[in-house]
C-alpha atoms as a PDB file:
ATOM      1  CA  VAL A   1       9.409  15.714   9.430  1.00  0.00           C
ATOM      2  CA  SER A   2       6.856  14.825   7.020  1.00  0.00           C
ATOM      3  CA  GLY A   3       7.215  14.688   3.483  1.00  0.00           C
ATOM      4  CA  ASN A   4       4.578  14.599   1.186  1.00  0.00           C
ATOM      5  CA  ASN A   5       6.810  17.392  -0.710  1.00  0.00           C
ATOM      6  CA  MET A   6       8.087  14.665  -3.081  1.00  0.00           C
ATOM      7  CA  THR A   7       8.692  15.587  -6.809  1.00  0.00           C
ATOM      8  CA  THR A   8       8.821  12.503  -8.424  1.00  0.00           C
ATOM      9  CA  GLN A   9      10.579  12.692 -11.666  1.00  0.00           C
ATOM     10  CA  PRO A  10      11.056   8.993 -13.326  1.00  0.00           C
ATOM     11  CA  THR A  11      14.031   9.080 -16.040  1.00  0.00           C
ATOM     12  CA  HIS A  12      12.806   6.414 -17.957  1.00  0.00           C
ATOM     13  CA  ASN A  13       8.959   5.430 -19.448  1.00  0.00           C
ATOM     14  CA  ILE A  14       8.978   1.192 -19.235  1.00  0.00           C
ATOM     15  CA  THR A  15       5.930  -1.128 -20.384  1.00  0.00           C
ATOM     16  CA  THR A  16       3.640  -2.862 -17.806  1.00  0.00           C
ATOM     17  CA  GLU A  17       5.530  -6.222 -19.534  1.00  0.00           C
ATOM     18  CA  ARG A  18       8.960  -4.823 -18.871  1.00  0.00           C
ATOM     19  CA  ALA A  19       8.084  -3.885 -15.116  1.00  0.00           C
ATOM     20  CA  THR A  20       6.503  -7.242 -14.573  1.00  0.00           C
ATOM     21  CA  ASP A  21       9.816  -8.996 -15.843  1.00  0.00           C
ATOM     22  CA  LEU A  22      11.851  -7.185 -13.979  1.00  0.00           C
ATOM     23  CA  LEU A  23       9.404  -7.664 -10.526  1.00  0.00           C
ATOM     24  CA  LYS A  24       9.403 -11.779 -11.871  1.00  0.00           C
ATOM     25  CA  ASP A  25      13.202 -11.340 -11.598  1.00  0.00           C
ATOM     26  CA  GLY A  26      12.975  -9.886  -7.825  1.00  0.00           C
ATOM     27  CA  ARG A  27      14.771  -6.722  -9.508  1.00  0.00           C
ATOM     28  CA  PRO A  28      13.514  -3.126  -8.192  1.00  0.00           C
ATOM     29  CA  LEU A  29      11.661  -0.884 -10.282  1.00  0.00           C
ATOM     30  CA  THR A  30      13.486   2.577  -9.794  1.00  0.00           C
ATOM     31  CA  ASP A  31      12.806   5.765 -11.712  1.00  0.00           C
ATOM     32  CA  PHE A  32      10.256   4.722 -13.915  1.00  0.00           C
ATOM     33  CA  TYR A  33       6.916   5.823 -15.246  1.00  0.00           C
ATOM     34  CA  VAL A  34       4.658   2.640 -15.912  1.00  0.00           C
ATOM     35  CA  ASP A  35       1.445   3.140 -18.132  1.00  0.00           C
ATOM     36  CA  GLY A  36      -1.232   0.972 -18.480  1.00  0.00           C
ATOM     37  CA  GLU A  37      -2.411  -1.993 -15.891  1.00  0.00           C
ATOM     38  CA  LEU A  38       0.745  -3.499 -13.896  1.00  0.00           C
ATOM     39  CA  LYS A  39      -0.393  -6.672 -11.647  1.00  0.00           C
ATOM     40  CA  ILE A  40       0.922  -9.019  -9.522  1.00  0.00           C
ATOM     41  CA  GLU A  41      -2.310 -11.233  -8.942  1.00  0.00           C
ATOM     42  CA  THR A  42      -1.381 -14.813  -8.583  1.00  0.00           C
ATOM     43  CA  SER A  43      -3.935 -16.025  -6.105  1.00  0.00           C
ATOM     44  CA  ASP A  44      -0.360 -17.927  -4.472  1.00  0.00           C
ATOM     45  CA  ILE A  45       2.638 -16.853  -3.118  1.00  0.00           C
ATOM     46  CA  TRP A  46       5.459 -14.312  -4.531  1.00  0.00           C
ATOM     47  CA  ASP A  47       8.424 -14.980  -3.451  1.00  0.00           C
ATOM     48  CA  LYS A  48      10.519 -12.124  -4.549  1.00  0.00           C
ATOM     49  CA  GLU A  49      10.698  -8.851  -3.246  1.00  0.00           C
ATOM     50  CA  VAL A  50       8.955  -5.937  -4.563  1.00  0.00           C
ATOM     51  CA  VAL A  51      10.177  -2.546  -4.777  1.00  0.00           C
ATOM     52  CA  PHE A  52       9.155   0.506  -6.190  1.00  0.00           C
ATOM     53  CA  GLU A  53      11.114   3.795  -5.717  1.00  0.00           C
ATOM     54  CA  ASN A  54      10.784   7.155  -7.351  1.00  0.00           C
ATOM     55  CA  CYS A  55       8.229   5.991  -9.909  1.00  0.00           C
ATOM     56  CA  ILE A  56       4.860   6.957 -11.227  1.00  0.00           C
ATOM     57  CA  ILE A  57       2.689   4.162 -11.586  1.00  0.00           C
ATOM     58  CA  GLU A  58      -0.606   4.476 -13.559  1.00  0.00           C
ATOM     59  CA  TYR A  59      -2.267   1.282 -12.322  1.00  0.00           C
ATOM     60  CA  PHE A  60      -0.912  -1.284  -9.926  1.00  0.00           C
ATOM     61  CA  SER A  61      -2.639  -4.408  -8.269  1.00  0.00           C
ATOM     62  CA  GLY A  62      -1.259  -6.535  -5.964  1.00  0.00           C
ATOM     63  CA  SER A  63      -4.357  -8.343  -4.975  1.00  0.00           C
ATOM     64  CA  VAL A  64      -4.975 -11.930  -3.812  1.00  0.00           C
ATOM     65  CA  THR A  65      -1.109 -12.452  -3.320  1.00  0.00           C
ATOM     66  CA  GLN A  66       0.819 -13.649  -0.210  1.00  0.00           C
ATOM     67  CA  PHE A  67       4.060 -11.781  -0.471  1.00  0.00           C
ATOM     68  CA  ASP A  68       6.925 -13.772   1.455  1.00  0.00           C
ATOM     69  CA  LYS A  69       9.540 -10.890   1.315  1.00  0.00           C
ATOM     70  CA  PRO A  70       9.001  -7.500   2.029  1.00  0.00           C
ATOM     71  CA  VAL A  71       7.015  -5.130  -0.402  1.00  0.00           C
ATOM     72  CA  ARG A  72       8.689  -1.767  -0.260  1.00  0.00           C
ATOM     73  CA  LEU A  73       7.098   1.544  -2.065  1.00  0.00           C
ATOM     74  CA  LYS A  74       8.997   4.824  -1.371  1.00  0.00           C
ATOM     75  CA  ASN A  75       8.606   8.084  -3.337  1.00  0.00           C
ATOM     76  CA  CYS A  76       6.259   7.012  -5.363  1.00  0.00           C
ATOM     77  CA  HIS A  77       3.005   8.317  -7.169  1.00  0.00           C
ATOM     78  CA  PHE A  78       0.256   5.728  -7.444  1.00  0.00           C
ATOM     79  CA  LYS A  79      -2.704   6.796 -10.143  1.00  0.00           C
ATOM     80  CA  LYS A  80      -4.691   3.446  -8.881  1.00  0.00           C
ATOM     81  CA  CYS A  81      -3.462   1.113  -6.685  1.00  0.00           C
ATOM     82  CA  GLN A  82      -5.378  -1.898  -4.627  1.00  0.00           C
ATOM     83  CA  PHE A  83      -4.538  -4.781  -2.279  1.00  0.00           C
ATOM     84  CA  VAL A  84      -7.423  -6.851  -1.767  1.00  0.00           C
ATOM     85  CA  PHE A  85      -7.213 -10.210  -0.160  1.00  0.00           C
ATOM     86  CA  THR A  86      -3.263  -9.408  -0.174  1.00  0.00           C
ATOM     87  CA  TYR A  87      -1.032 -10.989   2.563  1.00  0.00           C
ATOM     88  CA  PHE A  88       2.198  -9.138   3.677  1.00  0.00           C
ATOM     89  CA  LEU A  89       4.147 -11.780   5.218  1.00  0.00           C
ATOM     90  CA  GLY A  90       7.367 -10.082   4.623  1.00  0.00           C
ATOM     91  CA  GLY A  91       6.078  -6.869   5.530  1.00  0.00           C
ATOM     92  CA  LEU A  92       5.096  -3.737   3.982  1.00  0.00           C
ATOM     93  CA  THR A  93       6.730  -0.161   4.037  1.00  0.00           C
ATOM     94  CA  ILE A  94       5.091   2.669   1.817  1.00  0.00           C
ATOM     95  CA  ASP A  95       6.985   5.792   2.519  1.00  0.00           C
ATOM     96  CA  ASN A  96       6.295   9.197   1.412  1.00  0.00           C
ATOM     97  CA  CYS A  97       4.093   7.980  -1.417  1.00  0.00           C
ATOM     98  CA  THR A  98       0.832   9.712  -3.136  1.00  0.00           C
ATOM     99  CA  PHE A  99      -2.511   7.708  -4.147  1.00  0.00           C
ATOM    100  CA  ASP A 100      -4.730   9.603  -5.985  1.00  0.00           C
ATOM    101  CA  ASN A 101      -7.195   7.257  -5.953  1.00  0.00           C
ATOM    102  CA  TYR A 102      -9.522   4.811  -3.351  1.00  0.00           C
ATOM    103  CA  LEU A 103      -6.681   2.451  -1.972  1.00  0.00           C
ATOM    104  CA  ASP A 104      -8.301  -1.113  -0.769  1.00  0.00           C
ATOM    105  CA  PHE A 105      -6.387  -3.141   1.790  1.00  0.00           C
ATOM    106  CA  GLN A 106      -9.453  -5.283   2.697  1.00  0.00           C
ATOM    107  CA  ALA A 107      -9.395  -8.456   4.025  1.00  0.00           C
ATOM    108  CA  GLY A 108      -5.533  -8.555   4.264  1.00  0.00           C
ATOM    109  CA  GLY A 109      -2.501  -7.875   5.960  1.00  0.00           C
ATOM    110  CA  HIS A 110      -0.786 -10.803   8.055  1.00  0.00           C
ATOM    111  CA  ASN A 111       2.498  -9.750   8.478  1.00  0.00           C
ATOM    112  CA  LYS A 112       4.771 -12.154  10.225  1.00  0.00           C
ATOM    113  CA  SER A 113       7.467 -11.481  13.358  1.00  0.00           C
ATOM    114  CA  GLY A 114      10.006  -9.075  12.039  1.00  0.00           C
ATOM    115  CA  ASN A 115       8.363  -7.576   9.187  1.00  0.00           C
ATOM    116  CA  PRO A 116       6.540  -4.569  10.433  1.00  0.00           C
ATOM    117  CA  VAL A 117       3.798  -2.840   8.059  1.00  0.00           C
ATOM    118  CA  ILE A 118       5.039   0.702   8.107  1.00  0.00           C
ATOM    119  CA  LEU A 119       2.754   3.759   6.323  1.00  0.00           C
ATOM    120  CA  THR A 120       4.461   6.979   7.062  1.00  0.00           C
ATOM    121  CA  ASN A 121       4.799  10.324   5.299  1.00  0.00           C
ATOM    122  CA  ASN A 122       1.936   9.190   2.593  1.00  0.00           C
ATOM    123  CA  ASP A 123      -0.623  11.525   0.804  1.00  0.00           C
ATOM    124  CA  PHE A 124      -3.951   9.398   0.343  1.00  0.00           C
ATOM    125  CA  LYS A 125      -6.316  11.860  -1.708  1.00  0.00           C
ATOM    126  CA  ASP A 126      -9.245   9.119  -1.612  1.00  0.00           C
ATOM    127  CA  PHE A 127     -10.192   6.700   1.043  1.00  0.00           C
ATOM    128  CA  VAL A 128      -8.137   4.040   2.323  1.00  0.00           C
ATOM    129  CA  ASN A 129     -10.072   0.828   2.928  1.00  0.00           C
ATOM    130  CA  PHE A 130      -8.463  -1.371   5.557  1.00  0.00           C
ATOM    131  CA  PHE A 131     -12.036  -3.388   5.999  1.00  0.00           C
ATOM    132  CA  ASP A 132     -11.418  -6.924   7.728  1.00  0.00           C
ATOM    133  CA  CYS A 133      -7.643  -6.630   7.813  1.00  0.00           C
ATOM    134  CA  TRP A 134      -5.416  -8.481  10.304  1.00  0.00           C
ATOM    135  CA  TYR A 135      -1.958  -7.510  11.329  1.00  0.00           C
ATOM    136  CA  GLU A 136      -0.367 -10.150  13.429  1.00  0.00           C
ATOM    137  CA  ASN A 137       2.808  -8.046  13.936  1.00  0.00           C
ATOM    138  CA  GLU A 138       4.151  -4.369  14.081  1.00  0.00           C
ATOM    139  CA  VAL A 139       2.340  -1.588  12.521  1.00  0.00           C
ATOM    140  CA  GLU A 140       3.223   1.933  12.563  1.00  0.00           C
ATOM    141  CA  ILE A 141       1.019   4.286  10.635  1.00  0.00           C
ATOM    142  CA  SER A 142       2.657   8.173  10.990  1.00  0.00           C
ATOM    143  CA  ASN A 143       2.508  11.287   9.361  1.00  0.00           C
ATOM    144  CA  ASN A 144       0.172  10.699   6.679  1.00  0.00           C
ATOM    145  CA  LYS A 145      -2.759  12.521   5.309  1.00  0.00           C
ATOM    146  CA  PHE A 146      -6.005  11.103   4.901  1.00  0.00           C
ATOM    147  CA  HIS A 147      -7.820  13.127   2.912  1.00  0.00           C
ATOM    148  CA  LYS A 148     -11.063  11.561   2.560  1.00  0.00           C
ATOM    149  CA  GLY A 149     -10.391   9.545   5.816  1.00  0.00           C
ATOM    150  CA  THR A 150      -9.851   5.804   6.932  1.00  0.00           C
ATOM    151  CA  ASN A 151     -11.618   2.951   8.442  1.00  0.00           C
ATOM    152  CA  LEU A 152      -8.548   2.177  10.027  1.00  0.00           C
ATOM    153  CA  LEU A 153      -9.778   2.016  13.829  1.00  0.00           C
ATOM    154  CA  GLY A 154     -13.718   2.115  12.886  1.00  0.00           C
ATOM    155  CA  LYS A 155     -15.742  -0.460  13.040  1.00  0.00           C
ATOM    156  CA  PRO A 156     -17.542  -0.931   9.530  1.00  0.00           C
ATOM    157  CA  HIS A 157     -19.972  -3.707   9.428  1.00  0.00           C
ATOM    158  CA  ASN A 158     -19.077  -4.205  12.973  1.00  0.00           C
ATOM    159  CA  ILE A 159     -15.673  -5.657  12.451  1.00  0.00           C
ATOM    160  CA  PRO A 160     -12.686  -3.679  13.384  1.00  0.00           C
ATOM    161  CA  VAL A 161      -9.195  -4.074  12.099  1.00  0.00           C
ATOM    162  CA  THR A 162      -7.138  -6.764  14.387  1.00  0.00           C
ATOM    163  CA  PHE A 163      -3.977  -5.907  15.649  1.00  0.00           C
ATOM    164  CA  ASP A 164      -2.407  -8.842  17.347  1.00  0.00           C
ATOM    165  CA  LYS A 165       0.383  -6.204  18.838  1.00  0.00           C
ATOM    166  CA  GLU A 166      -0.297  -2.535  19.978  1.00  0.00           C
ATOM    167  CA  ALA A 167      -0.131  -0.719  16.413  1.00  0.00           C
ATOM    168  CA  ILE A 168       1.859   2.728  16.874  1.00  0.00           C
ATOM    169  CA  ILE A 169      -0.702   5.036  14.973  1.00  0.00           C
ATOM    170  CA  LYS A 170       0.403   8.963  15.319  1.00  0.00           C
ATOM    171  CA  ASP A 171       0.530  12.103  13.824  1.00  0.00           C
ATOM    172  CA  ASN A 172      -2.312  11.474  11.143  1.00  0.00           C
ATOM    173  CA  ILE A 173      -4.156  14.033   9.315  1.00  0.00           C
ATOM    174  CA  GLY A 174      -7.759  12.819   8.675  1.00  0.00           C
ATOM    175  CA  GLN A 175     -10.774  10.804  10.164  1.00  0.00           C
ATOM    176  CA  LEU A 176      -9.279   7.493  11.051  1.00  0.00           C
ATOM    177  CA  ASP A 177     -12.355   5.702  12.612  1.00  0.00           C
ATOM    178  CA  LEU A 178     -15.128   5.862   9.967  1.00  0.00           C
ATOM    179  CA  ASP A 179     -17.375   3.075  10.212  1.00  0.00           C
ATOM    180  CA  ASN A 180     -17.659   2.433   6.285  1.00  0.00           C
ATOM    181  CA  GLU A 181     -15.694   1.547   3.389  1.00  0.00           C
ATOM    182  CA  GLY A 182     -16.103   4.648   1.679  1.00  0.00           C
ATOM    183  CA  GLU A 183     -17.305   5.561  -1.749  1.00  0.00           C
ATOM    184  CA  LYS A 184     -15.292   3.632  -4.555  1.00  0.00           C
ATOM    185  CA  SER A 185     -15.408   6.637  -7.088  1.00  0.00           C
ATOM    186  CA  GLU A 186     -15.352   4.633 -10.766  1.00  0.00           C
END
C-alpha cells in the first residue's frame, strides 16, 4: 500500500519569513508553497512541534538543532532539504514525501523513548546520507524508494549507523548498504 503518487497542490504561497513565524509559534505549515530558504538552525533546542503537510518547499534546513517535540513531514515535496547534526529527541515522521536532492541526516538521530523515527512511503530521488547517525529508540523505514541508494545499512569510513533497538527496515526499493556518503550534486 505504498503511496508515492501524491499530487501536492498547495493553496497558498508564503514567504520564508511568514513560514518561520508560524513554526516559531508552533503552528503547522499546511497547503503552502514556500519559496526561498527556510531554516531552523539554532545550535540549540527547538521546543515547538514542526509540522509540514501538503507543502512544496524550495529549501528547508533543520541542521544543528535539537527538536524536543515531534517533527512531522507528510505529503510534501522538498526540492532541497537537510538535517545535518540534527537530534530528533521528540521523534521524526516523514510519510509520503518526495525529496528531489541529496538528503543529509549525518551525525544525527538520538530519538528518545516513545518518540520513533518513521520514514514510510517516500520517494528519495537522490542519495540519503545516514553517516554516523545514532538512533536510541524505535526506527521504522519501510516502503521507500531510494533511487540513488543510502548508507543506512552500510559502513562508510567503517562506521555503521547505530540502532539501540532493532530497527524495522522492510519493503524498500534501492540499495541500502552503500559504504560511502553518495555524491552531493551542487
